[in-house]
Amino acid sequence: MNKPAYTVTEQIALLRQRGMLFHDEKQAYTRLKSIGYYRLKGYWWDTQRDTISHLFQSDVYFEDIIERYDFDRKLRLILFGGIEQIEIALRTKLICICMIVGQGCKVGCKVMSEDACTQGDTSPSYQGKRIKNILRV
């Protein structure tokens, strides 16, 4: 499928021909140039009245598509920020578990009293209890 490459100006003309409206073509040019036609295509897909000829419904503005894109971008940043915090917390817990299982009580995690650690109980059931205590949040 060989489609011709369009300039940003030609992309705007194509969108206009298909029924998209613009409040500010200069701003549309800037956004299309920085984001890309095919990246934005997913945000306007459901605003088409015909997905074969790609004609838009009435009152579809390019700026509304940009609002969708910006909302999605901001939401993604918030979600990845939360995922990062979960990842760091889990990684810290896993490191603590590995240190307890591998090296006894030479751990910066306060899981059990030093007395329990110095007893040197390395049985799987005891180590399992220690790990369960670590995983409690």
C-alpha atoms as a PDB file:
ATOM      1  CA  MET A   1       0.000   0.000   0.000  1.00  0.00           C
ATOM      2  CA  ASN A   2       1.943   2.977  -1.288  1.00  0.00           C
ATOM      3  CA  LYS A   3       0.352   6.219  -0.150  1.00  0.00           C
ATOM      4  CA  PRO A   4       1.858   9.495  -1.276  1.00  0.00           C
ATOM      5  CA  ALA A   5       3.658  11.589   1.333  1.00  0.00           C
ATOM      6  CA  TYR A   6       1.902  14.863   2.074  1.00  0.00           C
ATOM      7  CA  THR A   7       3.366  18.049   3.449  1.00  0.00           C
ATOM      8  CA  VAL A   8       1.760  19.444   6.595  1.00  0.00           C
ATOM      9  CA  THR A   9       0.005  22.071   4.446  1.00  0.00           C
ATOM     10  CA  GLU A  10      -1.366  19.304   2.226  1.00  0.00           C
ATOM     11  CA  GLN A  11      -2.471  17.343   5.299  1.00  0.00           C
ATOM     12  CA  ILE A  12      -4.478  20.346   6.515  1.00  0.00           C
ATOM     13  CA  ALA A  13      -6.030  20.730   3.049  1.00  0.00           C
ATOM     14  CA  LEU A  14      -6.932  17.017   3.036  1.00  0.00           C
ATOM     15  CA  LEU A  15      -8.534  17.242   6.467  1.00  0.00           C
ATOM     16  CA  ARG A  16     -10.466  20.341   5.401  1.00  0.00           C
ATOM     17  CA  GLN A  17     -11.595  18.564   2.208  1.00  0.00           C
ATOM     18  CA  ARG A  18     -12.893  15.697   4.348  1.00  0.00           C
ATOM     19  CA  GLY A  19     -14.900  18.111   6.495  1.00  0.00           C
ATOM     20  CA  MET A  20     -12.694  18.930   9.472  1.00  0.00           C
ATOM     21  CA  LEU A  21     -12.935  22.510  10.693  1.00  0.00           C
ATOM     22  CA  PHE A  22     -10.161  24.716  12.052  1.00  0.00           C
ATOM     23  CA  HIS A  23     -10.198  27.680  14.417  1.00  0.00           C
ATOM     24  CA  ASP A  24      -6.511  28.422  13.834  1.00  0.00           C
ATOM     25  CA  GLU A  25      -4.714  26.817  10.875  1.00  0.00           C
ATOM     26  CA  LYS A  26      -1.356  28.232  11.929  1.00  0.00           C
ATOM     27  CA  GLN A  27      -1.640  26.441  15.272  1.00  0.00           C
ATOM     28  CA  ALA A  28      -2.886  23.302  13.476  1.00  0.00           C
ATOM     29  CA  TYR A  29       0.211  23.441  11.263  1.00  0.00           C
ATOM     30  CA  THR A  30       2.468  23.629  14.335  1.00  0.00           C
ATOM     31  CA  ARG A  31       0.711  20.761  16.114  1.00  0.00           C
ATOM     32  CA  LEU A  32       0.611  18.500  13.039  1.00  0.00           C
ATOM     33  CA  LYS A  33       4.274  19.170  12.433  1.00  0.00           C
ATOM     34  CA  SER A  34       5.249  18.281  16.009  1.00  0.00           C
ATOM     35  CA  ILE A  35       2.799  15.427  16.734  1.00  0.00           C
ATOM     36  CA  GLY A  36       2.232  13.926  13.304  1.00  0.00           C
ATOM     37  CA  TYR A  37      -0.805  13.145  11.183  1.00  0.00           C
ATOM     38  CA  TYR A  38      -0.842   9.414  11.872  1.00  0.00           C
ATOM     39  CA  ARG A  39      -0.412   9.886  15.625  1.00  0.00           C
ATOM     40  CA  LEU A  40      -3.470  12.165  15.695  1.00  0.00           C
ATOM     41  CA  LYS A  41      -5.479   9.916  13.391  1.00  0.00           C
ATOM     42  CA  GLY A  42      -6.425   7.656  16.291  1.00  0.00           C
ATOM     43  CA  TYR A  43      -7.929  10.605  18.135  1.00  0.00           C
ATOM     44  CA  TRP A  44     -10.222  11.636  15.266  1.00  0.00           C
ATOM     45  CA  TRP A  45     -11.139   8.152  14.044  1.00  0.00           C
ATOM     46  CA  ASP A  46     -14.501   8.024  15.833  1.00  0.00           C
ATOM     47  CA  THR A  47     -15.462  11.485  14.530  1.00  0.00           C
ATOM     48  CA  GLN A  48     -15.699  10.225  10.960  1.00  0.00           C
ATOM     49  CA  ARG A  49     -19.124   9.591   9.511  1.00  0.00           C
ATOM     50  CA  ASP A  50     -17.588   7.285   6.904  1.00  0.00           C
ATOM     51  CA  THR A  51     -14.407   5.339   7.668  1.00  0.00           C
ATOM     52  CA  ILE A  52     -13.928   4.307   4.034  1.00  0.00           C
ATOM     53  CA  SER A  53     -13.818   7.779   2.489  1.00  0.00           C
ATOM     54  CA  HIS A  54     -12.753   9.304   5.836  1.00  0.00           C
ATOM     55  CA  LEU A  55     -15.385  12.037   5.802  1.00  0.00           C
ATOM     56  CA  PHE A  56     -15.909  13.775   9.123  1.00  0.00           C
ATOM     57  CA  GLN A  57     -19.163  14.398  10.948  1.00  0.00           C
ATOM     58  CA  SER A  58     -20.302  18.020  11.032  1.00  0.00           C
ATOM     59  CA  ASP A  59     -18.744  20.325  13.651  1.00  0.00           C
ATOM     60  CA  VAL A  60     -15.512  18.376  14.111  1.00  0.00           C
ATOM     61  CA  TYR A  61     -12.768  20.845  14.933  1.00  0.00           C
ATOM     62  CA  PHE A  62      -9.067  20.092  14.831  1.00  0.00           C
ATOM     63  CA  GLU A  63      -8.672  21.845  18.188  1.00  0.00           C
ATOM     64  CA  ASP A  64     -11.075  19.338  19.784  1.00  0.00           C
ATOM     65  CA  ILE A  65      -8.862  16.532  18.523  1.00  0.00           C
ATOM     66  CA  ILE A  66      -5.855  18.273  20.080  1.00  0.00           C
ATOM     67  CA  GLU A  67      -7.743  18.509  23.393  1.00  0.00           C
ATOM     68  CA  ARG A  68      -8.263  14.739  23.288  1.00  0.00           C
ATOM     69  CA  TYR A  69      -4.600  14.186  22.528  1.00  0.00           C
ATOM     70  CA  ASP A  70      -3.474  16.506  25.342  1.00  0.00           C
ATOM     71  CA  PHE A  71      -5.850  14.865  27.834  1.00  0.00           C
ATOM     72  CA  ASP A  72      -4.537  11.423  26.886  1.00  0.00           C
ATOM     73  CA  ARG A  73      -0.928  12.602  27.208  1.00  0.00           C
ATOM     74  CA  LYS A  74      -1.533  14.090  30.668  1.00  0.00           C
ATOM     75  CA  LEU A  75      -3.424  10.997  31.841  1.00  0.00           C
ATOM     76  CA  ARG A  76      -0.596   8.775  30.616  1.00  0.00           C
ATOM     77  CA  LEU A  77       1.936  10.854  32.608  1.00  0.00           C
ATOM     78  CA  ILE A  78      -0.171  10.559  35.768  1.00  0.00           C
ATOM     79  CA  LEU A  79      -0.589   6.792  35.340  1.00  0.00           C
ATOM     80  CA  PHE A  80       3.089   6.184  34.663  1.00  0.00           C
ATOM     81  CA  GLY A  81       3.943   8.263  37.733  1.00  0.00           C
ATOM     82  CA  GLY A  82       1.754   5.982  39.839  1.00  0.00           C
ATOM     83  CA  ILE A  83       3.147   2.866  38.208  1.00  0.00           C
ATOM     84  CA  GLU A  84       6.669   4.098  38.953  1.00  0.00           C
ATOM     85  CA  GLN A  85       5.864   4.445  42.670  1.00  0.00           C
ATOM     86  CA  ILE A  86       4.425   0.917  42.760  1.00  0.00           C
ATOM     87  CA  GLU A  87       7.461  -0.430  40.911  1.00  0.00           C
ATOM     88  CA  ILE A  88       9.896   1.197  43.339  1.00  0.00           C
ATOM     89  CA  ALA A  89       7.970  -0.068  46.377  1.00  0.00           C
ATOM     90  CA  LEU A  90       7.857  -3.624  44.990  1.00  0.00           C
ATOM     91  CA  ARG A  91      11.517  -3.543  44.052  1.00  0.00           C
ATOM     92  CA  THR A  92      12.396  -2.398  47.574  1.00  0.00           C
ATOM     93  CA  LYS A  93      10.328  -5.207  49.082  1.00  0.00           C
ATOM     94  CA  LEU A  94      11.938  -7.787  46.781  1.00  0.00           C
ATOM     95  CA  ILE A  95      15.426  -6.584  47.648  1.00  0.00           C
ATOM     96  CA  CYS A  96      14.560  -6.874  51.327  1.00  0.00           C
ATOM     97  CA  ILE A  97      13.273 -10.429  50.813  1.00  0.00           C
ATOM     98  CA  CYS A  98      16.406 -11.439  48.905  1.00  0.00           C
ATOM     99  CA  MET A  99      18.620 -10.012  51.618  1.00  0.00           C
ATOM    100  CA  ILE A 100      16.727 -11.793  54.388  1.00  0.00           C
ATOM    101  CA  VAL A 101      16.666 -15.141  52.645  1.00  0.00           C
ATOM    102  CA  GLY A 102      20.230 -14.843  51.389  1.00  0.00           C
ATOM    103  CA  GLN A 103      22.055 -13.192  54.288  1.00  0.00           C
ATOM    104  CA  GLY A 104      20.055 -13.565  57.457  1.00  0.00           C
ATOM    105  CA  CYS A 105      19.421 -10.300  59.287  1.00  0.00           C
ATOM    106  CA  LYS A 106      21.963  -7.971  57.720  1.00  0.00           C
ATOM    107  CA  VAL A 107      19.055  -5.966  56.386  1.00  0.00           C
ATOM    108  CA  GLY A 108      17.996  -2.359  56.616  1.00  0.00           C
ATOM    109  CA  CYS A 109      14.345  -3.476  56.652  1.00  0.00           C
ATOM    110  CA  LYS A 110      12.854  -3.638  60.134  1.00  0.00           C
ATOM    111  CA  VAL A 111      10.777  -6.755  59.772  1.00  0.00           C
ATOM    112  CA  MET A 112      11.330  -8.685  62.985  1.00  0.00           C
ATOM    113  CA  SER A 113      13.166  -7.998  66.188  1.00  0.00           C
ATOM    114  CA  GLU A 114      16.924  -8.493  66.313  1.00  0.00           C
ATOM    115  CA  ASP A 115      16.321 -11.349  68.780  1.00  0.00           C
ATOM    116  CA  ALA A 116      14.402 -13.282  66.166  1.00  0.00           C
ATOM    117  CA  CYS A 117      17.131 -12.606  63.625  1.00  0.00           C
ATOM    118  CA  THR A 118      19.990 -13.721  65.815  1.00  0.00           C
ATOM    119  CA  GLN A 119      18.326 -17.040  66.534  1.00  0.00           C
ATOM    120  CA  GLY A 120      19.480 -18.086  63.093  1.00  0.00           C
ATOM    121  CA  ASP A 121      16.386 -20.071  62.221  1.00  0.00           C
ATOM    122  CA  THR A 122      16.820 -20.747  58.515  1.00  0.00           C
ATOM    123  CA  SER A 123      13.982 -23.225  58.151  1.00  0.00           C
ATOM    124  CA  PRO A 124      11.722 -22.617  55.145  1.00  0.00           C
ATOM    125  CA  SER A 125       8.636 -22.137  57.353  1.00  0.00           C
ATOM    126  CA  TYR A 126      10.397 -19.462  59.444  1.00  0.00           C
ATOM    127  CA  GLN A 127      11.777 -17.688  56.369  1.00  0.00           C
ATOM    128  CA  GLY A 128       8.287 -17.805  54.855  1.00  0.00           C
ATOM    129  CA  LYS A 129       6.862 -16.027  57.916  1.00  0.00           C
ATOM    130  CA  ARG A 130       9.538 -13.352  57.641  1.00  0.00           C
ATOM    131  CA  ILE A 131       8.772 -12.787  53.970  1.00  0.00           C
ATOM    132  CA  LYS A 132       5.031 -12.523  54.687  1.00  0.00           C
ATOM    133  CA  ASN A 133       5.784  -9.832  57.285  1.00  0.00           C
ATOM    134  CA  ILE A 134       7.793  -7.859  54.751  1.00  0.00           C
ATOM    135  CA  LEU A 135       5.024  -7.946  52.178  1.00  0.00           C
ATOM    136  CA  ARG A 136       2.501  -6.427  54.571  1.00  0.00           C
ATOM    137  CA  VAL A 137       1.877  -2.837  53.671  1.00  0.00           C
END
